[in-house]
């Protein structure tokens, strides 16, 4: 009987101690909540440094009436169109193929290309 009373006492004191927790204790629940539609937005954004650089971001691709389109920040282009001096040679569901004067690139949806002042194009 003494063990039962001691167990109940310990359980009660443990519950009482936990009721004094502040928001910081539960913060990780909100951050890791898989049902939160805003979770992970920061990780999907690519930050491009504020320098003298040129860049573009491939938002997505789609096909309409047999013509494939690539969606960038503020443009929608098709095969053989150019963006910042790079020719779009192929558009697939998950990526596009680009051709510059010196290199060929495969740019995945959700990725960016960047060119700094004194350098060539590179994937970001």
PDB file of N, CA and C in Angstrom:
ATOM      1  N   UNK A   1       0.818  -1.185   0.000  1.00  0.00           N
ATOM      2  CA  UNK A   1       0.000   0.000   0.000  1.00  0.00           C
ATOM      3  C   UNK A   1       0.870   1.259   0.000  1.00  0.00           C
ATOM      4  N   UNK A   2       1.985   1.201   0.739  1.00  0.00           N
ATOM      5  CA  UNK A   2       2.868   2.354   0.797  1.00  0.00           C
ATOM      6  C   UNK A   2       3.469   2.635  -0.586  1.00  0.00           C
ATOM      7  N   UNK A   3       3.752   1.558  -1.336  1.00  0.00           N
ATOM      8  CA  UNK A   3       4.320   1.733  -2.678  1.00  0.00           C
ATOM      9  C   UNK A   3       3.320   2.394  -3.616  1.00  0.00           C
ATOM     10  N   UNK A   4       2.073   2.068  -3.481  1.00  0.00           N
ATOM     11  CA  UNK A   4       1.034   2.658  -4.332  1.00  0.00           C
ATOM     12  C   UNK A   4       0.927   4.148  -4.049  1.00  0.00           C
ATOM     13  N   UNK A   5       0.923   4.518  -2.774  1.00  0.00           N
ATOM     14  CA  UNK A   5       0.823   5.930  -2.400  1.00  0.00           C
ATOM     15  C   UNK A   5       2.067   6.680  -2.874  1.00  0.00           C
ATOM     16  N   UNK A   6       3.245   6.081  -2.721  1.00  0.00           N
ATOM     17  CA  UNK A   6       4.479   6.704  -3.169  1.00  0.00           C
ATOM     18  C   UNK A   6       4.478   6.891  -4.682  1.00  0.00           C
ATOM     19  N   UNK A   7       4.005   5.878  -5.422  1.00  0.00           N
ATOM     20  CA  UNK A   7       3.919   5.968  -6.886  1.00  0.00           C
ATOM     21  C   UNK A   7       2.964   7.076  -7.303  1.00  0.00           C
ATOM     22  N   UNK A   8       1.796   7.143  -6.674  1.00  0.00           N
ATOM     23  CA  UNK A   8       0.833   8.207  -6.996  1.00  0.00           C
ATOM     24  C   UNK A   8       1.412   9.579  -6.684  1.00  0.00           C
ATOM     25  N   UNK A   9       2.139   9.698  -5.587  1.00  0.00           N
ATOM     26  CA  UNK A   9       2.748  10.966  -5.213  1.00  0.00           C
ATOM     27  C   UNK A   9       3.780  11.395  -6.260  1.00  0.00           C
ATOM     28  N   UNK A  10       4.603  10.472  -6.715  1.00  0.00           N
ATOM     29  CA  UNK A  10       5.624  10.792  -7.714  1.00  0.00           C
ATOM     30  C   UNK A  10       5.000  11.171  -9.059  1.00  0.00           C
ATOM     31  N   UNK A  11       3.952  10.461  -9.433  1.00  0.00           N
ATOM     32  CA  UNK A  11       3.271  10.774 -10.688  1.00  0.00           C
ATOM     33  C   UNK A  11       2.630  12.153 -10.621  1.00  0.00           C
ATOM     34  N   UNK A  12       2.006  12.477  -9.506  1.00  0.00           N
ATOM     35  CA  UNK A  12       1.357  13.773  -9.342  1.00  0.00           C
ATOM     36  C   UNK A  12       2.384  14.896  -9.372  1.00  0.00           C
ATOM     37  N   UNK A  13       3.524  14.723  -8.671  1.00  0.00           N
ATOM     38  CA  UNK A  13       4.534  15.774  -8.684  1.00  0.00           C
ATOM     39  C   UNK A  13       5.157  15.932 -10.067  1.00  0.00           C
ATOM     40  N   UNK A  14       5.288  14.858 -10.819  1.00  0.00           N
ATOM     41  CA  UNK A  14       5.828  14.957 -12.181  1.00  0.00           C
ATOM     42  C   UNK A  14       4.869  15.721 -13.077  1.00  0.00           C
ATOM     43  N   UNK A  15       3.558  15.463 -12.972  1.00  0.00           N
ATOM     44  CA  UNK A  15       2.563  16.179 -13.762  1.00  0.00           C
ATOM     45  C   UNK A  15       2.518  17.642 -13.374  1.00  0.00           C
ATOM     46  N   UNK A  16       2.618  17.946 -12.086  1.00  0.00           N
ATOM     47  CA  UNK A  16       2.600  19.330 -11.625  1.00  0.00           C
ATOM     48  C   UNK A  16       3.809  20.087 -12.161  1.00  0.00           C
ATOM     49  N   UNK A  17       4.956  19.458 -12.195  1.00  0.00           N
ATOM     50  CA  UNK A  17       6.176  20.104 -12.700  1.00  0.00           C
ATOM     51  C   UNK A  17       6.049  20.404 -14.186  1.00  0.00           C
ATOM     52  N   UNK A  18       5.364  19.551 -14.935  1.00  0.00           N
ATOM     53  CA  UNK A  18       5.238  19.747 -16.379  1.00  0.00           C
ATOM     54  C   UNK A  18       4.215  20.818 -16.739  1.00  0.00           C
ATOM     55  N   UNK A  19       3.305  21.173 -15.865  1.00  0.00           N
ATOM     56  CA  UNK A  19       2.311  22.193 -16.187  1.00  0.00           C
ATOM     57  C   UNK A  19       2.906  23.590 -16.193  1.00  0.00           C
ATOM     58  N   UNK A  20       4.114  23.776 -15.692  1.00  0.00           N
ATOM     59  CA  UNK A  20       4.766  25.077 -15.655  1.00  0.00           C
ATOM     60  C   UNK A  20       5.644  25.318 -16.883  1.00  0.00           C
ATOM     61  N   UNK A  21       5.486  24.548 -17.939  1.00  0.00           N
ATOM     62  CA  UNK A  21       6.317  24.689 -19.135  1.00  0.00           C
ATOM     63  C   UNK A  21       5.813  25.842 -19.990  1.00  0.00           C
ATOM     64  N   UNK A  22       6.731  26.557 -20.620  1.00  0.00           N
ATOM     65  CA  UNK A  22       6.350  27.651 -21.502  1.00  0.00           C
ATOM     66  C   UNK A  22       6.344  27.185 -22.961  1.00  0.00           C
ATOM     67  N   UNK A  23       6.091  28.119 -23.871  1.00  0.00           N
ATOM     68  CA  UNK A  23       5.948  27.789 -25.292  1.00  0.00           C
ATOM     69  C   UNK A  23       7.216  27.188 -25.890  1.00  0.00           C
ATOM     70  N   UNK A  24       8.375  27.614 -25.431  1.00  0.00           N
ATOM     71  CA  UNK A  24       9.624  27.128 -26.016  1.00  0.00           C
ATOM     72  C   UNK A  24       9.766  25.609 -25.890  1.00  0.00           C
ATOM     73  N   UNK A  25       9.133  25.033 -24.863  1.00  0.00           N
ATOM     74  CA  UNK A  25       9.182  23.586 -24.694  1.00  0.00           C
ATOM     75  C   UNK A  25       8.439  22.874 -25.828  1.00  0.00           C
ATOM     76  N   UNK A  26       7.370  23.483 -26.337  1.00  0.00           N
ATOM     77  CA  UNK A  26       6.536  22.868 -27.366  1.00  0.00           C
ATOM     78  C   UNK A  26       6.815  23.417 -28.769  1.00  0.00           C
ATOM     79  N   UNK A  27       7.775  24.303 -28.908  1.00  0.00           N
ATOM     80  CA  UNK A  27       8.064  24.958 -30.177  1.00  0.00           C
ATOM     81  C   UNK A  27       8.369  23.958 -31.296  1.00  0.00           C
ATOM     82  N   UNK A  28       9.096  22.895 -30.988  1.00  0.00           N
ATOM     83  CA  UNK A  28       9.477  21.934 -32.020  1.00  0.00           C
ATOM     84  C   UNK A  28       8.271  21.205 -32.610  1.00  0.00           C
ATOM     85  N   UNK A  29       7.189  21.103 -31.851  1.00  0.00           N
ATOM     86  CA  UNK A  29       5.983  20.443 -32.380  1.00  0.00           C
ATOM     87  C   UNK A  29       5.441  21.223 -33.567  1.00  0.00           C
ATOM     88  N   UNK A  30       5.376  22.546 -33.442  1.00  0.00           N
ATOM     89  CA  UNK A  30       4.894  23.373 -34.540  1.00  0.00           C
ATOM     90  C   UNK A  30       5.828  23.383 -35.730  1.00  0.00           C
ATOM     91  N   UNK A  31       7.126  23.325 -35.463  1.00  0.00           N
ATOM     92  CA  UNK A  31       8.099  23.343 -36.551  1.00  0.00           C
ATOM     93  C   UNK A  31       8.131  22.038 -37.322  1.00  0.00           C
ATOM     94  N   UNK A  32       7.874  20.930 -36.652  1.00  0.00           N
ATOM     95  CA  UNK A  32       7.961  19.620 -37.287  1.00  0.00           C
ATOM     96  C   UNK A  32       6.598  19.043 -37.663  1.00  0.00           C
ATOM     97  N   UNK A  33       5.544  19.816 -37.496  1.00  0.00           N
ATOM     98  CA  UNK A  33       4.192  19.353 -37.771  1.00  0.00           C
ATOM     99  C   UNK A  33       4.018  19.076 -39.271  1.00  0.00           C
ATOM    100  N   UNK A  34       3.794  17.823 -39.638  1.00  0.00           N
ATOM    101  CA  UNK A  34       3.677  17.471 -41.055  1.00  0.00           C
ATOM    102  C   UNK A  34       2.375  17.963 -41.672  1.00  0.00           C
ATOM    103  N   UNK A  35       1.424  18.398 -40.853  1.00  0.00           N
ATOM    104  CA  UNK A  35       0.160  18.891 -41.373  1.00  0.00           C
ATOM    105  C   UNK A  35       0.153  20.413 -41.529  1.00  0.00           C
ATOM    106  N   UNK A  36       1.237  21.081 -41.186  1.00  0.00           N
ATOM    107  CA  UNK A  36       1.346  22.523 -41.312  1.00  0.00           C
ATOM    108  C   UNK A  36       1.680  22.863 -42.765  1.00  0.00           C
ATOM    109  N   UNK A  37       0.787  23.557 -43.492  1.00  0.00           N
ATOM    110  CA  UNK A  37       1.047  23.846 -44.907  1.00  0.00           C
ATOM    111  C   UNK A  37       2.203  24.822 -45.113  1.00  0.00           C
ATOM    112  N   UNK A  38       2.601  25.568 -44.086  1.00  0.00           N
ATOM    113  CA  UNK A  38       3.698  26.527 -44.208  1.00  0.00           C
ATOM    114  C   UNK A  38       5.035  25.931 -43.810  1.00  0.00           C
ATOM    115  N   UNK A  39       5.049  24.682 -43.393  1.00  0.00           N
ATOM    116  CA  UNK A  39       6.292  24.047 -42.957  1.00  0.00           C
ATOM    117  C   UNK A  39       7.204  23.837 -44.159  1.00  0.00           C
ATOM    118  N   UNK A  40       8.449  24.183 -44.035  1.00  0.00           N
ATOM    119  CA  UNK A  40       9.427  23.912 -45.077  1.00  0.00           C
ATOM    120  C   UNK A  40       9.516  24.937 -46.176  1.00  0.00           C
ATOM    121  N   UNK A  41       8.758  26.014 -46.115  1.00  0.00           N
ATOM    122  CA  UNK A  41       8.809  27.007 -47.177  1.00  0.00           C
ATOM    123  C   UNK A  41      10.187  27.646 -47.241  1.00  0.00           C
ATOM    124  N   UNK A  42      10.770  27.911 -46.102  1.00  0.00           N
ATOM    125  CA  UNK A  42      12.085  28.553 -46.086  1.00  0.00           C
ATOM    126  C   UNK A  42      13.118  27.674 -46.762  1.00  0.00           C
ATOM    127  N   UNK A  43      13.037  26.362 -46.542  1.00  0.00           N
ATOM    128  CA  UNK A  43      14.042  25.477 -47.116  1.00  0.00           C
ATOM    129  C   UNK A  43      13.911  25.336 -48.634  1.00  0.00           C
ATOM    130  N   UNK A  44      12.745  25.642 -49.208  1.00  0.00           N
ATOM    131  CA  UNK A  44      12.597  25.514 -50.650  1.00  0.00           C
ATOM    132  C   UNK A  44      12.989  26.776 -51.395  1.00  0.00           C
ATOM    133  N   UNK A  45      13.200  27.871 -50.673  1.00  0.00           N
ATOM    134  CA  UNK A  45      13.602  29.105 -51.321  1.00  0.00           C
ATOM    135  C   UNK A  45      15.119  29.156 -51.417  1.00  0.00           C
ATOM    136  N   UNK A  46      15.600  29.554 -52.575  1.00  0.00           N
ATOM    137  CA  UNK A  46      17.036  29.678 -52.770  1.00  0.00           C
ATOM    138  C   UNK A  46      17.391  31.155 -52.625  1.00  0.00           C
ATOM    139  N   UNK A  47      18.309  31.427 -51.739  1.00  0.00           N
ATOM    140  CA  UNK A  47      18.750  32.795 -51.532  1.00  0.00           C
ATOM    141  C   UNK A  47      19.953  33.076 -52.435  1.00  0.00           C
ATOM    142  N   UNK A  48      19.818  34.101 -53.256  1.00  0.00           N
ATOM    143  CA  UNK A  48      20.887  34.484 -54.163  1.00  0.00           C
ATOM    144  C   UNK A  48      21.515  35.761 -53.616  1.00  0.00           C
ATOM    145  N   UNK A  49      22.824  35.767 -53.447  1.00  0.00           N
ATOM    146  CA  UNK A  49      23.474  36.916 -52.832  1.00  0.00           C
ATOM    147  C   UNK A  49      23.235  38.214 -53.591  1.00  0.00           C
ATOM    148  N   UNK A  50      23.248  39.322 -52.851  1.00  0.00           N
ATOM    149  CA  UNK A  50      23.039  40.651 -53.426  1.00  0.00           C
ATOM    150  C   UNK A  50      24.351  41.189 -53.978  1.00  0.00           C
ATOM    151  N   UNK A  51      24.753  40.699 -55.128  1.00  0.00           N
ATOM    152  CA  UNK A  51      25.951  41.185 -55.809  1.00  0.00           C
ATOM    153  C   UNK A  51      25.567  41.508 -57.238  1.00  0.00           C
ATOM    154  N   UNK A  52      26.535  41.903 -58.003  1.00  0.00           N
ATOM    155  CA  UNK A  52      26.278  42.136 -59.424  1.00  0.00           C
ATOM    156  C   UNK A  52      26.230  40.788 -60.129  1.00  0.00           C
ATOM    157  N   UNK A  53      25.087  40.168 -60.082  1.00  0.00           N
ATOM    158  CA  UNK A  53      24.924  38.858 -60.692  1.00  0.00           C
ATOM    159  C   UNK A  53      23.588  38.795 -61.410  1.00  0.00           C
ATOM    160  N   UNK A  54      23.512  37.853 -62.322  1.00  0.00           N
ATOM    161  CA  UNK A  54      22.288  37.598 -63.072  1.00  0.00           C
ATOM    162  C   UNK A  54      21.853  36.180 -62.724  1.00  0.00           C
ATOM    163  N   UNK A  55      20.563  35.992 -62.511  1.00  0.00           N
ATOM    164  CA  UNK A  55      20.103  34.655 -62.159  1.00  0.00           C
ATOM    165  C   UNK A  55      18.680  34.443 -62.654  1.00  0.00           C
ATOM    166  N   UNK A  56      18.293  33.187 -62.729  1.00  0.00           N
ATOM    167  CA  UNK A  56      16.908  32.827 -62.999  1.00  0.00           C
ATOM    168  C   UNK A  56      16.605  31.500 -62.323  1.00  0.00           C
ATOM    169  N   UNK A  57      15.346  31.308 -61.990  1.00  0.00           N
ATOM    170  CA  UNK A  57      14.879  30.180 -61.189  1.00  0.00           C
ATOM    171  C   UNK A  57      13.830  29.418 -61.988  1.00  0.00           C
ATOM    172  N   UNK A  58      14.002  28.098 -62.146  1.00  0.00           N
ATOM    173  CA  UNK A  58      13.031  27.274 -62.865  1.00  0.00           C
ATOM    174  C   UNK A  58      11.936  26.852 -61.900  1.00  0.00           C
ATOM    175  N   UNK A  59      10.739  27.408 -62.060  1.00  0.00           N
ATOM    176  CA  UNK A  59       9.608  27.128 -61.177  1.00  0.00           C
ATOM    177  C   UNK A  59       8.898  25.823 -61.520  1.00  0.00           C
ATOM    178  N   UNK A  60       8.830  25.478 -62.811  1.00  0.00           N
ATOM    179  CA  UNK A  60       8.123  24.260 -63.198  1.00  0.00           C
ATOM    180  C   UNK A  60       8.082  24.099 -64.703  1.00  0.00           C
ATOM    181  N   UNK A  61       7.489  23.001 -65.142  1.00  0.00           N
ATOM    182  CA  UNK A  61       7.300  22.739 -66.570  1.00  0.00           C
ATOM    183  C   UNK A  61       5.896  22.190 -66.775  1.00  0.00           C
ATOM    184  N   UNK A  62       5.388  22.340 -67.983  1.00  0.00           N
ATOM    185  CA  UNK A  62       4.098  21.731 -68.331  1.00  0.00           C
ATOM    186  C   UNK A  62       4.014  21.577 -69.839  1.00  0.00           C
ATOM    187  N   UNK A  63       3.089  20.737 -70.266  1.00  0.00           N
ATOM    188  CA  UNK A  63       2.854  20.508 -71.686  1.00  0.00           C
ATOM    189  C   UNK A  63       1.400  20.824 -71.996  1.00  0.00           C
ATOM    190  N   UNK A  64       1.204  21.598 -73.067  1.00  0.00           N
ATOM    191  CA  UNK A  64      -0.142  21.958 -73.484  1.00  0.00           C
ATOM    192  C   UNK A  64      -0.210  21.859 -75.005  1.00  0.00           C
ATOM    193  N   UNK A  65      -1.174  21.088 -75.493  1.00  0.00           N
ATOM    194  CA  UNK A  65      -1.350  20.882 -76.938  1.00  0.00           C
ATOM    195  C   UNK A  65      -0.072  20.392 -77.600  1.00  0.00           C
ATOM    196  N   UNK A  66       0.657  19.521 -76.931  1.00  0.00           N
ATOM    197  CA  UNK A  66       1.872  18.937 -77.485  1.00  0.00           C
ATOM    198  C   UNK A  66       3.100  19.823 -77.420  1.00  0.00           C
ATOM    199  N   UNK A  67       2.985  21.007 -76.847  1.00  0.00           N
ATOM    200  CA  UNK A  67       4.126  21.921 -76.723  1.00  0.00           C
ATOM    201  C   UNK A  67       4.538  21.975 -75.258  1.00  0.00           C
ATOM    202  N   UNK A  68       5.829  21.736 -74.999  1.00  0.00           N
ATOM    203  CA  UNK A  68       6.344  21.787 -73.629  1.00  0.00           C
ATOM    204  C   UNK A  68       6.776  23.210 -73.300  1.00  0.00           C
ATOM    205  N   UNK A  69       6.480  23.629 -72.075  1.00  0.00           N
ATOM    206  CA  UNK A  69       6.779  24.971 -71.609  1.00  0.00           C
ATOM    207  C   UNK A  69       7.575  24.900 -70.312  1.00  0.00           C
ATOM    208  N   UNK A  70       8.468  25.855 -70.115  1.00  0.00           N
ATOM    209  CA  UNK A  70       9.231  25.997 -68.878  1.00  0.00           C
ATOM    210  C   UNK A  70       8.809  27.303 -68.211  1.00  0.00           C
ATOM    211  N   UNK A  71       8.521  27.233 -66.912  1.00  0.00           N
ATOM    212  CA  UNK A  71       8.059  28.403 -66.164  1.00  0.00           C
ATOM    213  C   UNK A  71       9.204  28.910 -65.300  1.00  0.00           C
ATOM    214  N   UNK A  72       9.609  30.168 -65.552  1.00  0.00           N
ATOM    215  CA  UNK A  72      10.666  30.818 -64.777  1.00  0.00           C
ATOM    216  C   UNK A  72      10.032  31.863 -63.877  1.00  0.00           C
ATOM    217  N   UNK A  73      10.857  32.679 -63.234  1.00  0.00           N
ATOM    218  CA  UNK A  73      10.353  33.696 -62.309  1.00  0.00           C
ATOM    219  C   UNK A  73       9.282  34.581 -62.939  1.00  0.00           C
ATOM    220  N   UNK A  74       9.542  35.098 -64.111  1.00  0.00           N
ATOM    221  CA  UNK A  74       8.578  36.009 -64.740  1.00  0.00           C
ATOM    222  C   UNK A  74       8.390  35.732 -66.224  1.00  0.00           C
ATOM    223  N   UNK A  75       8.751  34.524 -66.655  1.00  0.00           N
ATOM    224  CA  UNK A  75       8.640  34.165 -68.072  1.00  0.00           C
ATOM    225  C   UNK A  75       8.149  32.736 -68.223  1.00  0.00           C
ATOM    226  N   UNK A  76       7.477  32.486 -69.325  1.00  0.00           N
ATOM    227  CA  UNK A  76       7.109  31.128 -69.719  1.00  0.00           C
ATOM    228  C   UNK A  76       7.651  30.942 -71.131  1.00  0.00           C
ATOM    229  N   UNK A  77       8.581  29.979 -71.278  1.00  0.00           N
ATOM    230  CA  UNK A  77       9.275  29.797 -72.547  1.00  0.00           C
ATOM    231  C   UNK A  77       9.147  28.366 -73.046  1.00  0.00           C
ATOM    232  N   UNK A  78       9.337  28.175 -74.351  1.00  0.00           N
ATOM    233  CA  UNK A  78       9.278  26.833 -74.942  1.00  0.00           C
ATOM    234  C   UNK A  78      10.646  26.460 -75.493  1.00  0.00           C
ATOM    235  N   UNK A  79      10.762  25.255 -76.022  1.00  0.00           N
ATOM    236  CA  UNK A  79      12.012  24.780 -76.597  1.00  0.00           C
ATOM    237  C   UNK A  79      12.476  25.728 -77.701  1.00  0.00           C
ATOM    238  N   UNK A  80      13.778  25.929 -77.769  1.00  0.00           N
ATOM    239  CA  UNK A  80      14.477  26.818 -78.708  1.00  0.00           C
ATOM    240  C   UNK A  80      14.369  28.296 -78.350  1.00  0.00           C
ATOM    241  N   UNK A  81      13.637  28.652 -77.277  1.00  0.00           N
ATOM    242  CA  UNK A  81      13.658  30.021 -76.777  1.00  0.00           C
ATOM    243  C   UNK A  81      14.927  30.209 -75.958  1.00  0.00           C
ATOM    244  N   UNK A  82      15.255  31.466 -75.655  1.00  0.00           N
ATOM    245  CA  UNK A  82      16.451  31.761 -74.870  1.00  0.00           C
ATOM    246  C   UNK A  82      16.089  32.535 -73.617  1.00  0.00           C
ATOM    247  N   UNK A  83      16.883  32.309 -72.577  1.00  0.00           N
ATOM    248  CA  UNK A  83      16.765  33.074 -71.339  1.00  0.00           C
ATOM    249  C   UNK A  83      18.174  33.467 -70.912  1.00  0.00           C
ATOM    250  N   UNK A  84      18.395  34.769 -70.795  1.00  0.00           N
ATOM    251  CA  UNK A  84      19.707  35.323 -70.414  1.00  0.00           C
ATOM    252  C   UNK A  84      20.844  34.752 -71.264  1.00  0.00           C
ATOM    253  N   UNK A  85      20.622  34.633 -72.550  1.00  0.00           N
ATOM    254  CA  UNK A  85      21.660  34.166 -73.456  1.00  0.00           C
ATOM    255  C   UNK A  85      21.846  32.663 -73.498  1.00  0.00           C
ATOM    256  N   UNK A  86      21.000  31.914 -72.808  1.00  0.00           N
ATOM    257  CA  UNK A  86      21.092  30.451 -72.813  1.00  0.00           C
ATOM    258  C   UNK A  86      19.892  29.891 -73.568  1.00  0.00           C
ATOM    259  N   UNK A  87      20.158  28.967 -74.480  1.00  0.00           N
ATOM    260  CA  UNK A  87      19.103  28.383 -75.306  1.00  0.00           C
ATOM    261  C   UNK A  87      18.523  27.154 -74.615  1.00  0.00           C
ATOM    262  N   UNK A  88      17.194  27.049 -74.606  1.00  0.00           N
ATOM    263  CA  UNK A  88      16.509  25.877 -74.063  1.00  0.00           C
ATOM    264  C   UNK A  88      16.467  24.821 -75.159  1.00  0.00           C
ATOM    265  N   UNK A  89      17.183  23.717 -74.964  1.00  0.00           N
ATOM    266  CA  UNK A  89      17.262  22.685 -75.992  1.00  0.00           C
ATOM    267  C   UNK A  89      16.251  21.564 -75.779  1.00  0.00           C
ATOM    268  N   UNK A  90      15.812  21.345 -74.543  1.00  0.00           N
ATOM    269  CA  UNK A  90      14.847  20.268 -74.271  1.00  0.00           C
ATOM    270  C   UNK A  90      14.110  20.579 -72.979  1.00  0.00           C
ATOM    271  N   UNK A  91      12.824  20.243 -72.939  1.00  0.00           N
ATOM    272  CA  UNK A  91      12.009  20.428 -71.738  1.00  0.00           C
ATOM    273  C   UNK A  91      11.380  19.092 -71.380  1.00  0.00           C
ATOM    274  N   UNK A  92      11.695  18.611 -70.186  1.00  0.00           N
ATOM    275  CA  UNK A  92      11.113  17.388 -69.657  1.00  0.00           C
ATOM    276  C   UNK A  92      10.267  17.743 -68.436  1.00  0.00           C
ATOM    277  N   UNK A  93       9.629  16.740 -67.845  1.00  0.00           N
ATOM    278  CA  UNK A  93       8.737  16.991 -66.712  1.00  0.00           C
ATOM    279  C   UNK A  93       9.481  17.545 -65.506  1.00  0.00           C
ATOM    280  N   UNK A  94      10.662  17.001 -65.193  1.00  0.00           N
ATOM    281  CA  UNK A  94      11.397  17.387 -63.989  1.00  0.00           C
ATOM    282  C   UNK A  94      12.613  18.275 -64.245  1.00  0.00           C
ATOM    283  N   UNK A  95      12.968  18.520 -65.491  1.00  0.00           N
ATOM    284  CA  UNK A  95      14.157  19.320 -65.773  1.00  0.00           C
ATOM    285  C   UNK A  95      14.087  19.894 -67.189  1.00  0.00           C
ATOM    286  N   UNK A  96      15.016  20.823 -67.453  1.00  0.00           N
ATOM    287  CA  UNK A  96      15.203  21.336 -68.809  1.00  0.00           C
ATOM    288  C   UNK A  96      16.693  21.260 -69.122  1.00  0.00           C
ATOM    289  N   UNK A  97      17.016  21.207 -70.411  1.00  0.00           N
ATOM    290  CA  UNK A  97      18.403  21.238 -70.862  1.00  0.00           C
ATOM    291  C   UNK A  97      18.675  22.619 -71.447  1.00  0.00           C
ATOM    292  N   UNK A  98      19.780  23.212 -71.001  1.00  0.00           N
ATOM    293  CA  UNK A  98      20.180  24.540 -71.458  1.00  0.00           C
ATOM    294  C   UNK A  98      21.535  24.462 -72.131  1.00  0.00           C
ATOM    295  N   UNK A  99      21.743  25.343 -73.086  1.00  0.00           N
ATOM    296  CA  UNK A  99      23.009  25.394 -73.805  1.00  0.00           C
ATOM    297  C   UNK A  99      23.498  26.844 -73.823  1.00  0.00           C
ATOM    298  N   UNK A 100      24.690  27.061 -73.246  1.00  0.00           N
ATOM    299  CA  UNK A 100      25.317  28.382 -73.311  1.00  0.00           C
ATOM    300  C   UNK A 100      26.393  28.330 -74.387  1.00  0.00           C
ATOM    301  N   UNK A 101      27.156  29.386 -74.514  1.00  0.00           N
ATOM    302  CA  UNK A 101      28.225  29.408 -75.518  1.00  0.00           C
ATOM    303  C   UNK A 101      29.303  28.386 -75.216  1.00  0.00           C
ATOM    304  N   UNK A 102      29.511  28.084 -73.927  1.00  0.00           N
ATOM    305  CA  UNK A 102      30.613  27.202 -73.550  1.00  0.00           C
ATOM    306  C   UNK A 102      30.187  25.899 -72.869  1.00  0.00           C
ATOM    307  N   UNK A 103      28.977  25.838 -72.309  1.00  0.00           N
ATOM    308  CA  UNK A 103      28.570  24.669 -71.519  1.00  0.00           C
ATOM    309  C   UNK A 103      27.129  24.256 -71.796  1.00  0.00           C
ATOM    310  N   UNK A 104      26.833  23.014 -71.425  1.00  0.00           N
ATOM    311  CA  UNK A 104      25.462  22.513 -71.431  1.00  0.00           C
ATOM    312  C   UNK A 104      25.086  22.201 -69.984  1.00  0.00           C
ATOM    313  N   UNK A 105      23.840  22.512 -69.610  1.00  0.00           N
ATOM    314  CA  UNK A 105      23.375  22.317 -68.245  1.00  0.00           C
ATOM    315  C   UNK A 105      22.055  21.572 -68.235  1.00  0.00           C
ATOM    316  N   UNK A 106      21.842  20.797 -67.177  1.00  0.00           N
ATOM    317  CA  UNK A 106      20.542  20.194 -66.900  1.00  0.00           C
ATOM    318  C   UNK A 106      20.024  20.886 -65.648  1.00  0.00           C
ATOM    319  N   UNK A 107      18.978  21.700 -65.792  1.00  0.00           N
ATOM    320  CA  UNK A 107      18.422  22.481 -64.684  1.00  0.00           C
ATOM    321  C   UNK A 107      17.148  21.809 -64.196  1.00  0.00           C
ATOM    322  N   UNK A 108      17.170  21.327 -62.950  1.00  0.00           N
ATOM    323  CA  UNK A 108      16.009  20.669 -62.369  1.00  0.00           C
ATOM    324  C   UNK A 108      14.983  21.692 -61.913  1.00  0.00           C
ATOM    325  N   UNK A 109      13.720  21.284 -61.900  1.00  0.00           N
ATOM    326  CA  UNK A 109      12.659  22.144 -61.374  1.00  0.00           C
ATOM    327  C   UNK A 109      12.990  22.458 -59.919  1.00  0.00           C
ATOM    328  N   UNK A 110      12.872  23.726 -59.550  1.00  0.00           N
ATOM    329  CA  UNK A 110      13.195  24.155 -58.197  1.00  0.00           C
ATOM    330  C   UNK A 110      14.634  24.593 -58.030  1.00  0.00           C
ATOM    331  N   UNK A 111      15.400  24.617 -59.129  1.00  0.00           N
ATOM    332  CA  UNK A 111      16.804  25.037 -59.072  1.00  0.00           C
ATOM    333  C   UNK A 111      16.977  26.359 -59.807  1.00  0.00           C
ATOM    334  N   UNK A 112      18.154  26.937 -59.622  1.00  0.00           N
ATOM    335  CA  UNK A 112      18.433  28.232 -60.241  1.00  0.00           C
ATOM    336  C   UNK A 112      19.783  28.196 -60.933  1.00  0.00           C
ATOM    337  N   UNK A 113      19.947  29.105 -61.858  1.00  0.00           N
ATOM    338  CA  UNK A 113      21.231  29.352 -62.514  1.00  0.00           C
ATOM    339  C   UNK A 113      21.666  30.753 -62.101  1.00  0.00           C
ATOM    340  N   UNK A 114      22.962  30.908 -61.872  1.00  0.00           N
ATOM    341  CA  UNK A 114      23.481  32.209 -61.471  1.00  0.00           C
ATOM    342  C   UNK A 114      24.798  32.483 -62.200  1.00  0.00           C
ATOM    343  N   UNK A 115      24.982  33.753 -62.531  1.00  0.00           N
ATOM    344  CA  UNK A 115      26.235  34.179 -63.175  1.00  0.00           C
ATOM    345  C   UNK A 115      26.707  35.432 -62.455  1.00  0.00           C
ATOM    346  N   UNK A 116      27.862  35.325 -61.793  1.00  0.00           N
ATOM    347  CA  UNK A 116      28.465  36.477 -61.129  1.00  0.00           C
ATOM    348  C   UNK A 116      29.221  37.304 -62.158  1.00  0.00           C
ATOM    349  N   UNK A 117      29.665  38.464 -61.749  1.00  0.00           N
ATOM    350  CA  UNK A 117      30.332  39.411 -62.656  1.00  0.00           C
ATOM    351  C   UNK A 117      31.404  38.771 -63.534  1.00  0.00           C
ATOM    352  N   UNK A 118      32.378  38.119 -62.910  1.00  0.00           N
ATOM    353  CA  UNK A 118      33.538  37.633 -63.660  1.00  0.00           C
ATOM    354  C   UNK A 118      33.583  36.114 -63.753  1.00  0.00           C
ATOM    355  N   UNK A 119      32.445  35.468 -63.830  1.00  0.00           N
ATOM    356  CA  UNK A 119      32.444  34.002 -63.882  1.00  0.00           C
ATOM    357  C   UNK A 119      31.435  33.504 -64.909  1.00  0.00           C
ATOM    358  N   UNK A 120      31.459  32.213 -65.139  1.00  0.00           N
ATOM    359  CA  UNK A 120      30.522  31.575 -66.050  1.00  0.00           C
ATOM    360  C   UNK A 120      29.244  31.221 -65.294  1.00  0.00           C
ATOM    361  N   UNK A 121      28.259  30.747 -66.032  1.00  0.00           N
ATOM    362  CA  UNK A 121      27.012  30.290 -65.423  1.00  0.00           C
ATOM    363  C   UNK A 121      27.281  29.068 -64.545  1.00  0.00           C
ATOM    364  N   UNK A 122      26.548  28.968 -63.451  1.00  0.00           N
ATOM    365  CA  UNK A 122      26.651  27.797 -62.587  1.00  0.00           C
ATOM    366  C   UNK A 122      25.292  27.496 -61.978  1.00  0.00           C
ATOM    367  N   UNK A 123      25.109  26.224 -61.605  1.00  0.00           N
ATOM    368  CA  UNK A 123      23.878  25.805 -60.949  1.00  0.00           C
ATOM    369  C   UNK A 123      23.893  26.272 -59.513  1.00  0.00           C
ATOM    370  N   UNK A 124      22.760  26.703 -59.038  1.00  0.00           N
ATOM    371  CA  UNK A 124      22.641  27.147 -57.639  1.00  0.00           C
ATOM    372  C   UNK A 124      21.646  26.272 -56.938  1.00  0.00           C
TER     373      UNK A 124
END
